[in-house]
Amino acid sequence: MKHSYIILLLLLPIMLNGQDKDLKLKFSGFTDTYHAVRSQSPNDFMSSRSRLRTELEASKGKSYMFVSLNSIHNSVLEDQTGIELREAFLQHTTDNWDFKVGRQIVIWGVADGLRITDVVSPLDYTEFLARDYDDIRIPVNALKLKYFTSKISVEAIFIPVSSFFIVPTSVNNPWSVISTYDGIQTETNLDKYPDKTFSNSEYGGRASFYLSGVDISISALHTWNKFPIFESTTSSAYDTVFIHGQYNRMDMLGMDFSFPVGQFVMRGEAAEYFGELQETNSGERIERNTTNVLWGVDWYPGGEWNITAQYSHKLISDYVDILANKRNTVFATLGITKSTLRSTLKLSSFTYLDISNSGFFNRTSADYSLSDQIHLLAGYDWFHGDNGVFAIYKDNSEYWFKAKFNF
């Protein structure tokens, strides 16, 4: 049955094109294959997957439609093999209005790889950050209405049923967030999501102002903590640990800006999370307001160099000692990219720094353009840390190879 969906998508442009000469169609996509092996013993494969991405665009007048599908074969995580609908939305645009409805990826803010105001689309951590960030984003079923001019845009968004982070817990997944111990069983349930009712829907808006020399946006969202807060209990015999995911309402009010200064682009974000659920060491359910800020700079010195740096700080208000996270959490990123050989070879290195816990994740890679269609990539992912978010992956450093054909 799933194979018939692919055949239908392949034939759809031909079928539609013959029915309406005014209908403009574009069929595109790519196929890629990715393989990663652990750099230390037992040198097992961390990932081995191939994918076909098919995309169909249709437009007529001021109306537009976009559909994309992923067809995946995963040899390591076999439950990931299958066909998934990536995006599917329709859009209608007039001189000052834009209406977009359907399954779509929503990106807010100006941060790169860090989330401050970008809280609409959750992330898929099936392979943590070892995939392209665009592939990690999870689309949401949303209705968006936007009014825009050359100087301002104002959009409203409504999400009937929320989507949440995908967090791996299987012992067969090397990226599982659950640690295993001899003699102790673990039963995990992170899927107890909020009821699918109208009162549990998300809604919010964003206003952007394009001023002389600076872009500024303000945003607000009535949402959920989309990454689960873990609640653990133990059986009476102390041989089983039960882990449940908790989700709670929260509100986000934020702003972001960017402006150029010579060879530099300055970026910043700030957001207050009201009533954000916190993980505790005692199992108590505690909500706190948190302040989240980010400052970033992009440097374009010429010679096909690009250097980026970001600093992010999170402060928990009314702090108490039973909270699992520190009162202040500091992250930073550093990225360096250089293109050479007539722009056919791109060398890059991007690092997440967990300053609060002295940990990091670095991805260094080379991307060679064999032709206009084929790219060959290879790299190394390096994890380090005894505490914090990267500690559970400190044995997951890996070498990887990827090949991609665009059509």
Protein backbone atom coordinates (compact mmCIF):
# COMPACT_ATOMS: atom_id res chain seq x y z
CA MET A 1 0.00 0.00 0.00
CA LYS A 2 2.82 2.40 0.89
CA HIS A 3 4.54 1.76 -2.44
CA SER A 4 1.39 2.88 -4.24
CA TYR A 5 1.69 6.29 -2.56
CA ILE A 6 5.13 6.77 -4.10
CA ILE A 7 3.90 5.71 -7.54
CA LEU A 8 0.93 8.07 -7.23
CA LEU A 9 3.20 10.97 -6.29
CA LEU A 10 5.47 10.22 -9.25
CA LEU A 11 2.54 10.12 -11.67
CA LEU A 12 0.62 13.04 -10.18
CA PRO A 13 2.54 15.79 -12.04
CA ILE A 14 1.84 14.09 -15.37
CA MET A 15 -1.84 13.57 -14.55
CA LEU A 16 -2.40 17.15 -13.38
CA ASN A 17 -0.35 18.76 -16.12
CA GLY A 18 -2.54 17.21 -18.76
CA GLN A 19 -5.72 18.55 -17.17
CA ASP A 20 -4.87 22.23 -16.75
CA LYS A 21 -2.33 24.09 -18.88
CA ASP A 22 -2.34 27.06 -16.48
CA LEU A 23 -1.27 24.88 -13.58
CA LYS A 24 2.49 25.08 -13.01
CA LEU A 25 4.09 21.96 -11.57
CA LYS A 26 7.54 21.27 -10.21
CA PHE A 27 8.71 17.83 -9.16
CA SER A 28 12.02 17.66 -7.28
CA GLY A 29 13.78 16.03 -4.38
CA PHE A 30 16.89 14.08 -3.54
CA THR A 31 18.18 10.71 -2.48
CA ASP A 32 20.87 10.30 0.14
CA THR A 33 22.64 7.56 2.04
CA TYR A 34 24.31 8.00 5.44
CA HIS A 35 26.49 5.62 7.44
CA ALA A 36 28.25 6.20 10.78
CA VAL A 37 30.52 3.94 12.85
CA ARG A 38 31.55 4.40 16.47
CA SER A 39 35.17 5.57 16.70
CA GLN A 40 35.96 3.37 19.71
CA SER A 41 35.41 -0.29 20.53
CA PRO A 42 33.24 -2.15 19.60
CA ASN A 43 33.20 0.06 16.45
CA ASP A 44 29.54 -0.75 15.85
CA PHE A 45 27.42 1.12 13.34
CA MET A 46 25.59 4.03 14.92
CA SER A 47 23.55 4.66 11.77
CA SER A 48 23.03 3.13 8.35
CA ARG A 49 20.14 4.54 6.37
CA SER A 50 19.08 5.57 2.87
CA ARG A 51 16.30 7.93 1.94
CA LEU A 52 14.31 9.18 -1.02
CA ARG A 53 12.79 12.65 -0.57
CA THR A 54 10.14 13.55 -3.14
CA GLU A 55 8.68 17.03 -3.37
CA LEU A 56 5.79 18.28 -5.46
CA GLU A 57 4.91 21.95 -5.94
CA ALA A 58 1.81 23.15 -7.75
CA SER A 59 0.81 26.75 -8.38
CA LYS A 60 -1.85 28.59 -10.28
CA GLY A 61 -2.36 32.32 -9.98
CA LYS A 62 -2.03 33.24 -6.32
CA SER A 63 -2.56 29.72 -5.01
CA TYR A 64 0.20 27.27 -4.16
CA MET A 65 0.54 23.71 -2.83
CA PHE A 66 3.56 21.82 -1.50
CA VAL A 67 3.88 18.13 -0.57
CA SER A 68 7.00 16.21 0.47
CA LEU A 69 7.48 12.55 1.37
CA ASN A 70 10.36 10.65 2.96
CA SER A 71 10.87 7.01 2.01
CA ILE A 72 13.47 5.59 4.40
CA HIS A 73 15.30 2.31 4.88
CA ASN A 74 17.18 2.16 8.19
CA SER A 75 19.35 -0.90 8.82
CA VAL A 76 20.26 -0.01 12.42
CA LEU A 77 16.94 1.36 13.70
CA GLU A 78 14.62 -0.91 11.75
CA ASP A 79 11.46 0.66 13.20
CA GLN A 80 12.44 3.85 11.34
CA THR A 81 12.06 2.11 7.97
CA GLY A 82 8.95 3.30 6.15
CA ILE A 83 7.24 6.17 4.38
CA GLU A 84 6.36 9.39 6.17
CA LEU A 85 4.56 12.54 5.12
CA ARG A 86 7.03 15.36 5.71
CA GLU A 87 5.04 18.46 4.73
CA ALA A 88 1.70 19.00 3.03
CA PHE A 89 0.20 22.48 2.93
CA LEU A 90 -1.71 24.87 0.72
CA GLN A 91 -1.11 28.59 0.49
CA HIS A 92 -2.88 31.58 -1.00
CA THR A 93 -1.15 34.96 -1.31
CA THR A 94 -2.53 38.35 -2.33
CA ASP A 95 -0.86 41.76 -2.36
CA ASN A 96 -0.90 42.06 1.44
CA TRP A 97 -2.29 38.79 2.80
CA ASP A 98 -0.97 35.26 3.03
CA PHE A 99 -2.94 32.21 4.20
CA LYS A 100 -1.12 28.93 4.80
CA VAL A 101 -2.71 25.78 6.22
CA GLY A 102 -1.52 22.20 6.60
CA ARG A 103 1.50 20.27 7.80
CA GLN A 104 4.43 22.70 7.79
CA ILE A 105 7.70 23.59 9.47
CA VAL A 106 7.51 26.86 11.42
CA ILE A 107 10.76 28.69 12.22
CA TRP A 108 10.84 31.72 14.50
CA GLY A 109 13.83 33.78 15.56
CA VAL A 110 17.37 34.30 14.31
CA ALA A 111 19.31 31.71 16.35
CA ASP A 112 21.29 28.96 14.63
CA GLY A 113 20.87 25.53 16.25
CA LEU A 114 19.65 26.95 19.58
CA ARG A 115 16.04 27.54 20.63
CA ILE A 116 14.88 30.75 22.30
CA THR A 117 11.73 31.95 20.50
CA ASP A 118 11.77 29.05 18.03
CA VAL A 119 9.36 26.91 20.08
CA VAL A 120 6.64 26.09 17.52
CA SER A 121 8.11 23.08 15.70
CA PRO A 122 9.57 20.44 18.07
CA LEU A 123 12.64 18.32 17.29
CA ASP A 124 13.25 14.67 16.51
CA TYR A 125 16.09 13.36 18.70
CA THR A 126 16.03 9.82 17.31
CA GLU A 127 19.72 10.31 16.46
CA PHE A 128 20.16 13.36 18.71
CA LEU A 129 22.06 16.09 16.79
CA ALA A 130 23.85 13.68 14.45
CA ARG A 131 21.53 14.64 11.60
CA ASP A 132 21.13 17.88 9.67
CA TYR A 133 19.21 20.39 11.76
CA ASP A 134 16.61 20.80 9.01
CA ASP A 135 15.90 17.06 9.21
CA ILE A 136 15.52 17.21 12.99
CA ARG A 137 12.66 19.72 12.86
CA ILE A 138 9.20 18.17 13.15
CA PRO A 139 6.40 19.75 11.06
CA VAL A 140 3.18 20.81 12.79
CA ASN A 141 -0.39 20.92 11.53
CA ALA A 142 -1.07 24.63 11.64
CA LEU A 143 -3.17 27.46 10.27
CA LYS A 144 -1.27 30.70 9.62
CA LEU A 145 -2.67 34.05 8.54
CA LYS A 146 -0.23 36.86 7.75
CA TYR A 147 -0.61 40.51 6.81
CA PHE A 148 2.50 42.06 5.28
CA THR A 149 3.90 45.18 3.63
CA SER A 150 7.45 46.15 2.73
CA LYS A 151 7.98 47.44 6.29
CA ILE A 152 5.97 45.12 8.51
CA SER A 153 4.45 41.66 8.73
CA VAL A 154 2.00 40.38 11.32
CA GLU A 155 1.06 36.70 11.52
CA ALA A 156 -1.30 34.68 13.66
CA ILE A 157 -0.89 30.94 14.14
CA PHE A 158 -3.24 28.24 15.43
CA ILE A 159 -2.19 24.63 16.03
CA PRO A 160 -5.22 22.41 16.75
CA VAL A 161 -3.24 19.37 17.97
CA SER A 162 0.26 19.84 19.36
CA SER A 163 3.33 17.89 18.30
CA PHE A 164 6.09 17.00 20.77
CA PHE A 165 9.75 16.06 20.79
CA ILE A 166 10.61 12.53 19.69
CA VAL A 167 12.90 11.19 22.41
CA PRO A 168 14.52 7.74 21.93
CA THR A 169 14.23 5.34 24.86
CA SER A 170 14.82 1.92 23.28
CA VAL A 171 17.87 -0.01 24.48
CA ASN A 172 18.50 -0.89 20.81
CA ASN A 173 19.05 2.77 19.96
CA PRO A 174 22.59 4.01 20.72
CA TRP A 175 21.09 7.50 21.12
CA SER A 176 18.65 6.48 23.86
CA VAL A 177 18.33 8.97 26.72
CA ILE A 178 17.66 6.14 29.20
CA SER A 179 20.64 4.57 30.96
CA THR A 180 20.60 0.83 31.72
CA TYR A 181 21.93 -0.90 34.84
CA ASP A 182 22.54 -4.59 35.54
CA GLY A 183 19.69 -6.21 37.44
CA ILE A 184 17.33 -3.25 37.01
CA GLN A 185 14.59 -3.07 34.41
CA THR A 186 13.32 0.19 32.99
CA GLU A 187 9.80 0.80 31.74
CA THR A 188 9.38 4.10 29.92
CA ASN A 189 6.25 5.90 28.76
CA LEU A 190 6.76 9.35 27.27
CA ASP A 191 3.65 9.22 25.09
CA LYS A 192 1.02 10.38 27.57
CA TYR A 193 0.40 13.57 25.65
CA PRO A 194 -2.29 16.15 26.48
CA ASP A 195 -5.81 15.28 25.36
CA LYS A 196 -6.60 16.29 21.79
CA THR A 197 -9.19 18.90 22.70
CA PHE A 198 -9.81 22.46 21.54
CA SER A 199 -8.77 23.82 24.94
CA ASN A 200 -5.37 22.16 24.55
CA SER A 201 -4.64 23.79 21.20
CA GLU A 202 -1.76 26.21 20.70
CA TYR A 203 -2.10 29.76 19.44
CA GLY A 204 0.03 32.85 19.16
CA GLY A 205 1.47 35.41 16.82
CA ARG A 206 4.53 37.20 15.57
CA ALA A 207 5.05 40.77 14.36
CA SER A 208 8.14 41.74 12.37
CA PHE A 209 9.36 45.25 11.58
CA TYR A 210 11.84 45.86 8.76
CA LEU A 211 13.42 49.17 9.69
CA SER A 212 16.34 51.02 8.19
CA GLY A 213 19.38 48.93 9.09
CA VAL A 214 17.66 46.59 11.56
CA ASP A 215 14.97 43.89 11.61
CA ILE A 216 13.00 43.41 14.83
CA SER A 217 10.33 40.85 15.72
CA ILE A 218 8.16 40.22 18.75
CA SER A 219 6.37 36.92 19.31
CA ALA A 220 4.02 35.22 21.74
CA LEU A 221 2.76 31.65 22.00
CA HIS A 222 0.40 29.77 24.33
CA THR A 223 2.02 26.35 24.13
CA TRP A 224 3.43 23.34 26.04
CA ASN A 225 6.82 22.19 27.25
CA LYS A 226 7.37 20.00 24.20
CA PHE A 227 10.36 18.15 25.61
CA PRO A 228 9.07 15.79 28.32
CA ILE A 229 9.99 16.28 31.95
CA PHE A 230 10.94 12.88 33.37
CA GLU A 231 9.17 11.55 36.46
CA SER A 232 10.68 8.38 37.94
CA THR A 233 9.25 5.88 40.41
CA THR A 234 10.59 2.54 41.65
CA SER A 235 8.84 -0.78 42.19
CA SER A 236 8.43 -2.13 45.72
CA ALA A 237 11.15 -4.70 45.03
CA TYR A 238 13.49 -1.98 43.75
CA ASP A 239 14.14 -3.97 40.58
CA THR A 240 12.15 -1.82 38.12
CA VAL A 241 12.25 1.89 37.39
CA PHE A 242 9.15 3.45 35.83
CA ILE A 243 9.74 6.64 33.84
CA HIS A 244 6.88 8.84 32.69
CA GLY A 245 6.91 11.99 30.59
CA GLN A 246 5.13 15.08 31.89
CA TYR A 247 3.80 17.92 29.74
CA ASN A 248 2.47 21.20 31.00
CA ARG A 249 1.04 24.44 29.66
CA MET A 250 3.42 27.38 29.35
CA ASP A 251 3.51 30.77 27.66
CA MET A 252 6.33 32.33 25.70
CA LEU A 253 6.83 36.06 25.13
CA GLY A 254 9.91 36.98 23.14
CA MET A 255 11.69 39.22 20.70
CA ASP A 256 14.57 38.97 18.24
CA PHE A 257 16.62 41.32 16.10
CA SER A 258 19.39 41.38 13.52
CA PHE A 259 21.41 44.15 11.90
CA PRO A 260 24.56 44.38 9.74
CA VAL A 261 27.75 46.17 10.77
CA GLY A 262 30.31 46.10 7.97
CA GLN A 263 31.43 42.50 7.52
CA PHE A 264 29.37 41.41 10.53
CA VAL A 265 25.73 40.57 11.20
CA MET A 266 24.62 40.93 14.80
CA ARG A 267 21.76 38.75 16.05
CA GLY A 268 19.92 38.52 19.33
CA GLU A 269 16.92 36.90 20.98
CA ALA A 270 15.25 37.09 24.37
CA ALA A 271 12.23 35.23 25.70
CA GLU A 272 10.42 34.75 28.97
CA TYR A 273 8.84 31.33 29.52
CA PHE A 274 5.96 31.64 31.97
CA GLY A 275 5.12 28.53 34.00
CA GLU A 276 7.75 26.26 32.47
CA LEU A 277 7.67 22.79 34.06
CA GLN A 278 10.95 21.87 35.76
CA GLU A 279 12.57 18.51 36.39
CA THR A 280 13.21 17.84 40.08
CA ASN A 281 15.28 15.41 42.13
CA SER A 282 12.32 14.69 44.41
CA GLY A 283 9.59 13.99 41.85
CA GLU A 284 7.63 17.11 42.79
CA ARG A 285 5.82 19.01 40.06
CA ILE A 286 7.29 22.52 40.00
CA GLU A 287 6.72 25.34 37.52
CA ARG A 288 8.99 28.34 37.22
CA ASN A 289 9.35 31.38 35.01
CA THR A 290 12.61 31.29 33.08
CA THR A 291 14.51 34.02 31.25
CA ASN A 292 16.28 32.99 28.04
CA VAL A 293 18.65 35.22 26.07
CA LEU A 294 20.98 34.78 23.10
CA TRP A 295 23.56 36.93 21.35
CA GLY A 296 25.09 35.92 18.04
CA VAL A 297 27.49 37.31 15.46
CA ASP A 298 28.18 36.23 11.88
CA TRP A 299 31.44 37.34 10.27
CA TYR A 300 31.95 37.33 6.49
CA PRO A 301 35.62 38.34 6.07
CA GLY A 302 35.73 37.44 2.38
CA GLY A 303 37.60 34.67 0.62
CA GLU A 304 34.56 32.40 1.08
CA TRP A 305 35.03 32.28 4.85
CA ASN A 306 32.11 32.36 7.27
CA ILE A 307 32.58 32.45 11.05
CA THR A 308 29.68 32.40 13.53
CA ALA A 309 29.48 32.51 17.31
CA GLN A 310 26.54 32.46 19.74
CA TYR A 311 26.11 32.80 23.50
CA SER A 312 22.93 31.56 25.21
CA HIS A 313 21.92 31.96 28.87
CA LYS A 314 18.95 30.52 30.77
CA LEU A 315 17.97 31.74 34.25
CA ILE A 316 15.42 29.95 36.45
CA SER A 317 13.48 32.33 38.70
CA ASP A 318 12.66 31.53 42.35
CA TYR A 319 15.25 28.76 42.36
CA VAL A 320 15.11 25.89 44.87
CA ASP A 321 17.73 23.20 45.44
CA ILE A 322 15.52 20.25 44.47
CA LEU A 323 15.53 21.35 40.82
CA ALA A 324 17.60 19.02 38.64
CA ASN A 325 18.98 21.82 36.46
CA LYS A 326 21.23 24.61 37.63
CA ARG A 327 19.86 28.09 38.23
CA ASN A 328 22.02 29.39 35.38
CA THR A 329 22.61 27.32 32.25
CA VAL A 330 25.04 28.63 29.64
CA PHE A 331 25.52 27.33 26.11
CA ALA A 332 27.60 28.65 23.25
CA THR A 333 28.22 27.68 19.64
CA LEU A 334 31.11 28.30 17.28
CA GLY A 335 31.00 27.62 13.56
CA ILE A 336 33.65 27.99 10.85
CA THR A 337 33.07 27.36 7.15
CA LYS A 338 35.48 27.71 4.23
CA SER A 339 34.77 27.04 0.56
CA THR A 340 37.65 26.30 -1.79
CA LEU A 341 38.53 24.63 -5.11
CA ARG A 342 36.22 27.00 -6.98
CA SER A 343 33.50 26.44 -4.39
CA THR A 344 33.38 22.68 -5.03
CA LEU A 345 34.76 21.82 -1.58
CA LYS A 346 33.26 23.17 1.65
CA LEU A 347 35.07 22.55 4.93
CA SER A 348 33.13 23.22 8.11
CA SER A 349 33.26 22.74 11.85
CA PHE A 350 30.39 23.48 14.24
CA THR A 351 30.59 23.11 18.02
CA TYR A 352 27.96 23.17 20.76
CA LEU A 353 29.56 24.14 24.08
CA ASP A 354 27.83 23.26 27.36
CA ILE A 355 29.74 25.83 29.39
CA SER A 356 27.85 25.07 32.60
CA ASN A 357 28.95 21.41 32.56
CA SER A 358 32.23 21.56 30.60
CA GLY A 359 30.91 19.42 27.76
CA PHE A 360 30.72 19.79 24.00
CA PHE A 361 29.62 18.28 20.71
CA ASN A 362 31.63 19.05 17.57
CA ARG A 363 30.86 18.09 13.99
CA THR A 364 33.70 18.59 11.51
CA SER A 365 32.99 17.76 7.88
CA ALA A 366 34.01 18.09 4.25
CA ASP A 367 31.42 18.49 1.50
CA TYR A 368 32.68 17.88 -2.06
CA SER A 369 30.49 18.73 -5.04
CA LEU A 370 31.25 15.98 -7.54
CA SER A 371 28.74 17.51 -9.96
CA ASP A 372 25.76 19.85 -9.84
CA GLN A 373 23.68 16.92 -8.60
CA ILE A 374 26.04 14.76 -6.51
CA HIS A 375 27.61 15.71 -3.18
CA LEU A 376 30.00 13.49 -1.22
CA LEU A 377 30.41 14.27 2.49
CA ALA A 378 32.53 12.83 5.29
CA GLY A 379 33.15 13.91 8.83
CA TYR A 380 33.65 13.21 12.51
CA ASP A 381 31.26 13.78 15.42
CA TRP A 382 33.02 14.29 18.74
CA PHE A 383 31.15 14.13 22.06
CA HIS A 384 32.71 15.02 25.40
CA GLY A 385 31.39 15.60 28.91
CA ASP A 386 30.97 13.97 32.31
CA ASN A 387 27.86 15.96 33.20
CA GLY A 388 25.08 17.70 31.34
CA VAL A 389 23.33 16.98 28.07
CA PHE A 390 26.38 15.52 26.27
CA ALA A 391 27.47 13.17 29.07
CA ILE A 392 25.21 10.29 28.02
CA TYR A 393 26.70 10.46 24.50
CA LYS A 394 30.39 10.66 25.45
CA ASP A 395 30.94 7.14 24.01
CA ASN A 396 29.07 7.96 20.78
CA SER A 397 31.81 9.80 18.90
CA GLU A 398 31.68 8.56 15.31
CA TYR A 399 33.08 8.71 11.80
CA TRP A 400 30.45 9.16 9.10
CA PHE A 401 29.98 9.27 5.33
CA LYS A 402 27.11 10.65 3.28
CA ALA A 403 26.31 10.81 -0.43
CA LYS A 404 23.47 12.88 -1.89
CA PHE A 405 21.92 13.26 -5.35
CA ASN A 406 19.59 16.20 -6.01
CA PHE A 407 17.01 16.17 -8.77
